[in-house]
Amino acid sequence: MPLWNKQKLGRRIERFALVGVWLLTIAFFSFALPGIFLSWTNFSILFATQAPGAVLALALIIPLTAGDYDLSVGANLTLSAVTIGVLNAVYQIPIGFVIPIALLAGVLVGLVNSFFIVYVRIPSLVVTLGTTSIITGLVQWMTNSSTIGGISPILINLVSRGRLFGISYAFYYVILLAIIIWLIFEFTPLGRRILFVGRSREVARLSGIDVGRVRVGCLISSGFLAALGGVVYAGLLGAADPFSGLNYLLPAFAAAYLGATSIIPGRFNPWGAVIAVYFLATGITGLTMLGIPLWVTSVFNGAALVLAVTVSQFARGREETDIG
């Protein structure tokens, strides 16, 4: 086989390796748990319950592509869900008015983050870590550290009760968001500018790209999508948990980096991120069904994050060499 054919085959295998591992994981747990794991009911629940985490992973890959970290997405998701819970369930404001307010809160968080990161030039890790702490305190004040139930059934019907092919609408919202982000990343000048800014800000600046504006837009988009994840979460549970978003943060980061090793290796991409979310969720679900202790979930997610970052760094380094 000619060398170029071998390289092409190798790249193709790399692109879909995560999908293959996911299928092998499904096969393993189906064998270990016959008649239990491999069922439409099990996977329809998995696809729906992981939708907020998938939205969070999609929110993360936008600033990550531009070279910034947003640790506040988990807290932002919680803030959105709690805003819906407080305004709709406690103060009885119609859900049609509450959802835009929750999304606006996410945009405001993105604006605050971008101001300190881009214009004050504080590292994104420091700013978003501080934002996370502030939002967490604010959420605990809003809820008195307790879960708020009684969210409008209109939102619940739009997210969890409405089904297509037996799967909640929440999953299809994730697919729709992934399509939109994929189209922007792959087929628009804006997507190319984001990629160039993430690869080298100085080169992007010399090329005439407004680097600051691109980074601000990415951070605001991240805040908006994280808040949208909160809307999905509130619709799935019909309630707002003041600690919910932080549980999604680590898996979302693991999925974002793991996804950068597949579909388009070396680049943060929406399809890789979505596949990675459901791959990780499949592993955790299978382990839980096998009776593994709960602490294994944290170990699994942490190990997945470290491994994903390591592999994606190699892939990103190779792609930069190819581009150069």
Protein backbone atom coordinates (compact mmCIF):
# COMPACT_ATOMS: atom_id res chain seq x y z
CA MET A 1 0.00 0.00 0.00
CA PRO A 2 1.42 3.44 -0.93
CA LEU A 3 2.52 5.64 1.95
CA TRP A 4 -0.12 8.29 1.28
CA ASN A 5 -2.84 5.64 1.38
CA LYS A 6 -1.55 4.40 4.73
CA GLN A 7 -1.57 7.95 6.09
CA LYS A 8 -5.09 8.50 4.81
CA LEU A 9 -6.27 5.25 6.38
CA GLY A 10 -4.55 6.16 9.66
CA ARG A 11 -6.26 9.55 9.77
CA ARG A 12 -9.63 7.96 9.04
CA ILE A 13 -9.16 5.43 11.85
CA GLU A 14 -8.15 8.24 14.20
CA ARG A 15 -11.22 10.27 13.29
CA PHE A 16 -13.64 7.51 14.23
CA ALA A 17 -11.63 5.72 16.94
CA LEU A 18 -13.76 7.22 19.72
CA VAL A 19 -16.94 6.02 18.02
CA GLY A 20 -15.40 2.55 17.81
CA VAL A 21 -14.42 2.58 21.48
CA TRP A 22 -17.94 3.75 22.37
CA LEU A 23 -19.45 0.81 20.45
CA LEU A 24 -17.04 -1.59 22.15
CA THR A 25 -18.04 -0.15 25.53
CA ILE A 26 -21.70 -0.71 24.70
CA ALA A 27 -20.90 -4.28 23.60
CA PHE A 28 -18.98 -4.98 26.83
CA PHE A 29 -21.74 -3.78 29.15
CA SER A 30 -24.38 -5.52 27.02
CA PHE A 31 -22.48 -8.78 27.55
CA ALA A 32 -21.92 -8.10 31.25
CA LEU A 33 -25.54 -7.03 31.81
CA PRO A 34 -27.59 -9.13 29.36
CA GLY A 35 -31.15 -7.96 28.86
CA ILE A 36 -30.62 -4.89 31.05
CA PHE A 37 -28.06 -2.53 29.57
CA LEU A 38 -28.82 -2.80 25.84
CA SER A 39 -32.38 -1.52 25.77
CA TRP A 40 -34.07 1.38 24.06
CA THR A 41 -35.41 2.59 27.40
CA ASN A 42 -31.94 2.73 28.93
CA PHE A 43 -30.45 4.68 26.04
CA SER A 44 -33.41 7.02 25.64
CA ILE A 45 -32.98 7.97 29.31
CA LEU A 46 -29.22 8.36 28.84
CA PHE A 47 -29.64 10.59 25.76
CA ALA A 48 -32.08 12.84 27.62
CA THR A 49 -30.40 13.08 31.02
CA GLN A 50 -27.01 13.93 29.53
CA ALA A 51 -28.39 16.75 27.37
CA PRO A 52 -27.45 19.54 29.84
CA GLY A 53 -23.89 18.20 30.01
CA ALA A 54 -23.72 18.03 26.22
CA VAL A 55 -24.88 21.65 25.94
CA LEU A 56 -22.23 22.59 28.50
CA ALA A 57 -19.52 20.81 26.47
CA LEU A 58 -20.66 22.69 23.35
CA ALA A 59 -20.49 25.95 25.33
CA LEU A 60 -16.92 25.15 26.37
CA ILE A 61 -15.48 24.39 22.93
CA ILE A 62 -16.20 27.92 21.65
CA PRO A 63 -13.82 29.83 23.99
CA LEU A 64 -11.44 26.86 24.03
CA THR A 65 -11.10 27.14 20.25
CA ALA A 66 -10.19 30.81 20.73
CA GLY A 67 -7.64 29.93 23.43
CA ASP A 68 -9.63 30.85 26.55
CA TYR A 69 -10.98 28.75 29.40
CA ASP A 70 -14.41 29.25 30.91
CA LEU A 71 -14.67 27.51 34.28
CA SER A 72 -17.87 29.41 35.04
CA VAL A 73 -20.12 27.45 32.65
CA GLY A 74 -21.24 25.03 35.38
CA ALA A 75 -22.17 27.81 37.77
CA ASN A 76 -23.79 29.67 34.87
CA LEU A 77 -25.99 26.65 34.15
CA THR A 78 -27.03 26.57 37.80
CA LEU A 79 -27.76 30.31 37.82
CA SER A 80 -30.01 29.95 34.78
CA ALA A 81 -31.95 27.02 36.24
CA VAL A 82 -32.32 28.73 39.61
CA THR A 83 -33.45 31.98 37.98
CA ILE A 84 -36.20 30.03 36.23
CA GLY A 85 -37.12 28.26 39.46
CA VAL A 86 -37.28 31.41 41.59
CA LEU A 87 -39.08 33.64 39.09
CA ASN A 88 -41.48 31.03 37.72
CA ALA A 89 -42.16 28.70 40.66
CA VAL A 90 -41.85 31.17 43.54
CA TYR A 91 -42.97 34.49 42.04
CA GLN A 92 -45.30 32.93 39.43
CA ILE A 93 -43.91 34.92 36.49
CA PRO A 94 -44.93 33.26 33.19
CA ILE A 95 -42.29 30.94 31.77
CA GLY A 96 -42.27 32.85 28.46
CA PHE A 97 -40.85 35.88 30.28
CA VAL A 98 -38.57 33.95 32.60
CA ILE A 99 -36.56 32.02 30.00
CA PRO A 100 -35.24 35.18 28.24
CA ILE A 101 -34.26 36.59 31.65
CA ALA A 102 -32.31 33.41 32.45
CA LEU A 103 -30.55 33.55 29.08
CA LEU A 104 -29.79 37.24 29.57
CA ALA A 105 -28.18 36.39 32.92
CA GLY A 106 -25.86 33.99 31.08
CA VAL A 107 -24.95 36.67 28.56
CA LEU A 108 -24.22 39.08 31.42
CA VAL A 109 -21.85 36.54 32.99
CA GLY A 110 -20.10 36.21 29.63
CA LEU A 111 -19.78 40.00 29.38
CA VAL A 112 -18.26 40.27 32.85
CA ASN A 113 -15.83 37.45 32.10
CA SER A 114 -14.79 38.97 28.78
CA PHE A 115 -14.23 42.42 30.29
CA PHE A 116 -11.72 41.16 32.85
CA ILE A 117 -10.13 38.59 30.54
CA VAL A 118 -9.80 40.62 27.35
CA TYR A 119 -9.57 44.23 28.48
CA VAL A 120 -8.10 43.98 32.00
CA ARG A 121 -5.97 41.06 30.76
CA ILE A 122 -6.40 38.76 33.73
CA PRO A 123 -5.91 35.06 32.86
CA SER A 124 -9.18 33.37 31.96
CA LEU A 125 -8.69 30.60 34.52
CA VAL A 126 -8.46 33.15 37.35
CA VAL A 127 -11.41 35.25 36.20
CA THR A 128 -13.81 32.38 35.56
CA LEU A 129 -12.82 30.63 38.79
CA GLY A 130 -13.67 33.82 40.66
CA THR A 131 -16.92 34.19 38.71
CA THR A 132 -17.83 30.62 39.63
CA SER A 133 -17.41 31.37 43.33
CA ILE A 134 -19.49 34.55 43.09
CA ILE A 135 -22.30 32.85 41.17
CA THR A 136 -22.31 29.90 43.58
CA GLY A 137 -22.78 32.24 46.52
CA LEU A 138 -25.48 34.17 44.70
CA VAL A 139 -27.34 30.97 43.84
CA GLN A 140 -27.23 29.76 47.44
CA TRP A 141 -28.65 33.11 48.54
CA MET A 142 -31.42 32.93 45.94
CA THR A 143 -32.45 29.40 46.93
CA ASN A 144 -31.48 29.33 50.59
CA SER A 145 -29.40 26.28 49.54
CA SER A 146 -32.51 24.22 48.80
CA THR A 147 -34.06 22.76 45.65
CA ILE A 148 -36.93 24.69 44.11
CA GLY A 149 -39.69 22.62 42.49
CA GLY A 150 -42.91 23.48 40.68
CA ILE A 151 -41.49 24.82 37.41
CA SER A 152 -44.09 25.35 34.69
CA PRO A 153 -45.21 22.17 32.88
CA ILE A 154 -44.92 24.12 29.61
CA LEU A 155 -41.13 24.01 29.87
CA ILE A 156 -41.21 20.38 31.01
CA ASN A 157 -43.30 19.43 27.97
CA LEU A 158 -40.92 21.26 25.63
CA VAL A 159 -37.84 19.54 27.06
CA SER A 160 -38.54 16.15 28.62
CA ARG A 161 -42.12 14.98 28.08
CA GLY A 162 -42.21 15.74 24.37
CA ARG A 163 -40.68 12.81 22.48
CA LEU A 164 -39.58 11.86 19.01
CA PHE A 165 -38.79 8.17 18.35
CA GLY A 166 -39.08 7.63 22.09
CA ILE A 167 -36.32 10.14 22.94
CA SER A 168 -36.99 13.44 24.72
CA TYR A 169 -36.74 16.67 22.78
CA ALA A 170 -33.77 17.63 24.97
CA PHE A 171 -31.51 15.33 22.92
CA TYR A 172 -32.60 16.90 19.64
CA TYR A 173 -31.86 20.38 20.97
CA VAL A 174 -28.29 19.18 21.53
CA ILE A 175 -28.08 17.91 17.94
CA LEU A 176 -29.48 21.20 16.62
CA LEU A 177 -26.89 23.21 18.58
CA ALA A 178 -24.11 20.92 17.35
CA ILE A 179 -25.22 21.46 13.74
CA ILE A 180 -25.26 25.25 14.17
CA ILE A 181 -21.80 25.34 15.77
CA TRP A 182 -20.41 22.93 13.15
CA LEU A 183 -21.73 25.11 10.32
CA ILE A 184 -20.21 28.23 11.89
CA PHE A 185 -16.85 26.57 12.60
CA GLU A 186 -16.48 24.91 9.22
CA PHE A 187 -18.21 27.12 6.68
CA THR A 188 -18.06 30.75 7.82
CA PRO A 189 -15.29 33.37 8.01
CA LEU A 190 -16.16 33.79 11.70
CA GLY A 191 -15.30 30.16 12.38
CA ARG A 192 -11.93 30.56 10.64
CA ARG A 193 -11.19 33.71 12.62
CA ILE A 194 -11.92 31.90 15.90
CA LEU A 195 -9.57 29.10 14.89
CA PHE A 196 -6.79 31.50 13.89
CA VAL A 197 -7.13 33.44 17.15
CA GLY A 198 -6.82 30.22 19.13
CA ARG A 199 -3.76 29.07 17.15
CA SER A 200 -1.81 32.34 17.38
CA ARG A 201 -3.24 35.64 18.55
CA GLU A 202 -0.28 37.64 17.29
CA VAL A 203 -0.48 36.16 13.80
CA ALA A 204 -4.24 36.70 13.79
CA ARG A 205 -3.75 40.33 14.83
CA LEU A 206 -1.17 40.92 12.09
CA SER A 207 -3.63 39.39 9.62
CA GLY A 208 -6.16 42.10 10.45
CA ILE A 209 -8.42 40.09 12.75
CA ASP A 210 -9.92 41.96 15.70
CA VAL A 211 -8.70 39.45 18.28
CA GLY A 212 -10.36 41.17 21.23
CA ARG A 213 -13.77 41.21 19.56
CA VAL A 214 -13.51 37.53 18.61
CA ARG A 215 -12.58 36.52 22.17
CA VAL A 216 -15.38 38.63 23.67
CA GLY A 217 -17.88 37.06 21.27
CA CYS A 218 -16.71 33.56 22.18
CA LEU A 219 -17.00 34.18 25.93
CA ILE A 220 -20.46 35.71 25.56
CA SER A 221 -21.54 32.76 23.40
CA SER A 222 -20.23 30.40 26.06
CA GLY A 223 -22.26 32.19 28.72
CA PHE A 224 -25.39 32.10 26.58
CA LEU A 225 -25.08 28.39 25.82
CA ALA A 226 -24.34 27.55 29.46
CA ALA A 227 -27.54 29.41 30.42
CA LEU A 228 -29.38 27.48 27.71
CA GLY A 229 -28.07 24.31 29.36
CA GLY A 230 -29.71 25.56 32.56
CA VAL A 231 -33.03 25.94 30.74
CA VAL A 232 -32.73 22.35 29.49
CA TYR A 233 -31.82 21.15 32.98
CA ALA A 234 -34.80 22.92 34.56
CA GLY A 235 -37.09 21.43 31.91
CA LEU A 236 -35.76 17.91 32.49
CA LEU A 237 -36.14 17.96 36.27
CA GLY A 238 -39.00 20.41 36.66
CA ALA A 239 -36.90 21.84 39.46
CA ALA A 240 -33.78 23.88 40.16
CA ASP A 241 -30.92 22.40 42.20
CA PRO A 242 -28.41 24.97 43.58
CA PHE A 243 -25.50 22.55 43.08
CA SER A 244 -26.43 20.94 39.76
CA GLY A 245 -24.10 22.71 37.35
CA LEU A 246 -20.89 21.94 39.21
CA ASN A 247 -21.58 18.22 38.75
CA TYR A 248 -21.55 18.71 34.98
CA LEU A 249 -18.37 20.80 34.81
CA LEU A 250 -15.69 18.09 34.97
CA PRO A 251 -17.44 15.72 32.54
CA ALA A 252 -18.01 18.62 30.14
CA PHE A 253 -14.31 19.53 30.13
CA ALA A 254 -13.37 15.87 29.70
CA ALA A 255 -15.79 15.60 26.77
CA ALA A 256 -14.52 18.80 25.14
CA TYR A 257 -10.91 17.57 25.17
CA LEU A 258 -11.75 13.97 24.38
CA GLY A 259 -13.86 15.19 21.47
CA ALA A 260 -10.84 17.05 20.12
CA THR A 261 -9.23 13.66 19.44
CA SER A 262 -12.01 12.49 17.11
CA ILE A 263 -14.00 13.49 14.01
CA ILE A 264 -11.63 16.44 13.43
CA PRO A 265 -8.54 15.36 15.42
CA GLY A 266 -6.54 18.23 16.85
CA ARG A 267 -9.46 20.67 16.94
CA PHE A 268 -12.28 21.26 19.36
CA ASN A 269 -15.36 20.30 17.39
CA PRO A 270 -19.05 19.89 18.26
CA TRP A 271 -19.55 16.35 16.97
CA GLY A 272 -16.54 15.03 18.83
CA ALA A 273 -17.71 16.75 22.02
CA VAL A 274 -21.23 15.32 21.79
CA ILE A 275 -19.93 11.81 21.08
CA ALA A 276 -17.51 12.11 24.00
CA VAL A 277 -20.31 13.17 26.38
CA TYR A 278 -22.35 10.10 25.57
CA PHE A 279 -19.31 7.82 25.58
CA LEU A 280 -18.42 8.93 29.11
CA ALA A 281 -22.05 8.68 30.21
CA THR A 282 -22.27 5.17 28.78
CA GLY A 283 -19.24 4.09 30.80
CA ILE A 284 -20.57 5.60 34.02
CA THR A 285 -24.05 4.15 33.48
CA GLY A 286 -22.63 0.68 32.87
CA LEU A 287 -20.38 0.84 35.92
CA THR A 288 -23.29 2.02 38.06
CA MET A 289 -25.44 -0.89 36.87
CA LEU A 290 -22.62 -3.26 37.79
CA GLY A 291 -22.82 -1.93 41.34
CA ILE A 292 -19.56 0.01 41.35
CA PRO A 293 -19.35 2.50 44.29
CA LEU A 294 -20.22 6.13 43.56
CA TRP A 295 -16.67 7.36 44.15
CA VAL A 296 -15.61 5.52 40.98
CA THR A 297 -17.57 8.10 38.95
CA SER A 298 -15.26 10.90 40.09
CA VAL A 299 -12.19 8.77 39.41
CA PHE A 300 -13.53 7.86 35.96
CA ASN A 301 -14.23 11.48 35.01
CA GLY A 302 -10.91 12.73 36.36
CA ALA A 303 -8.91 10.05 34.59
CA ALA A 304 -10.84 10.69 31.38
CA LEU A 305 -10.04 14.41 31.59
CA VAL A 306 -6.30 13.86 32.10
CA LEU A 307 -6.12 11.28 29.33
CA ALA A 308 -8.21 13.41 26.97
CA VAL A 309 -6.08 16.52 27.51
CA THR A 310 -2.90 14.51 26.95
CA VAL A 311 -4.09 12.89 23.71
CA SER A 312 -5.65 16.10 22.37
CA GLN A 313 -2.41 18.02 22.99
CA PHE A 314 -0.54 15.55 20.80
CA ALA A 315 -3.23 15.79 18.12
CA ARG A 316 -3.32 19.60 18.24
CA GLY A 317 0.46 19.79 18.06
CA ARG A 318 0.50 17.57 15.00
CA GLU A 319 -2.19 19.60 13.25
CA GLU A 320 -0.31 22.84 13.91
CA THR A 321 2.73 21.24 12.27
CA ASP A 322 0.60 20.17 9.31
CA ILE A 323 -0.83 23.68 8.94
CA GLY A 324 2.63 25.20 9.19
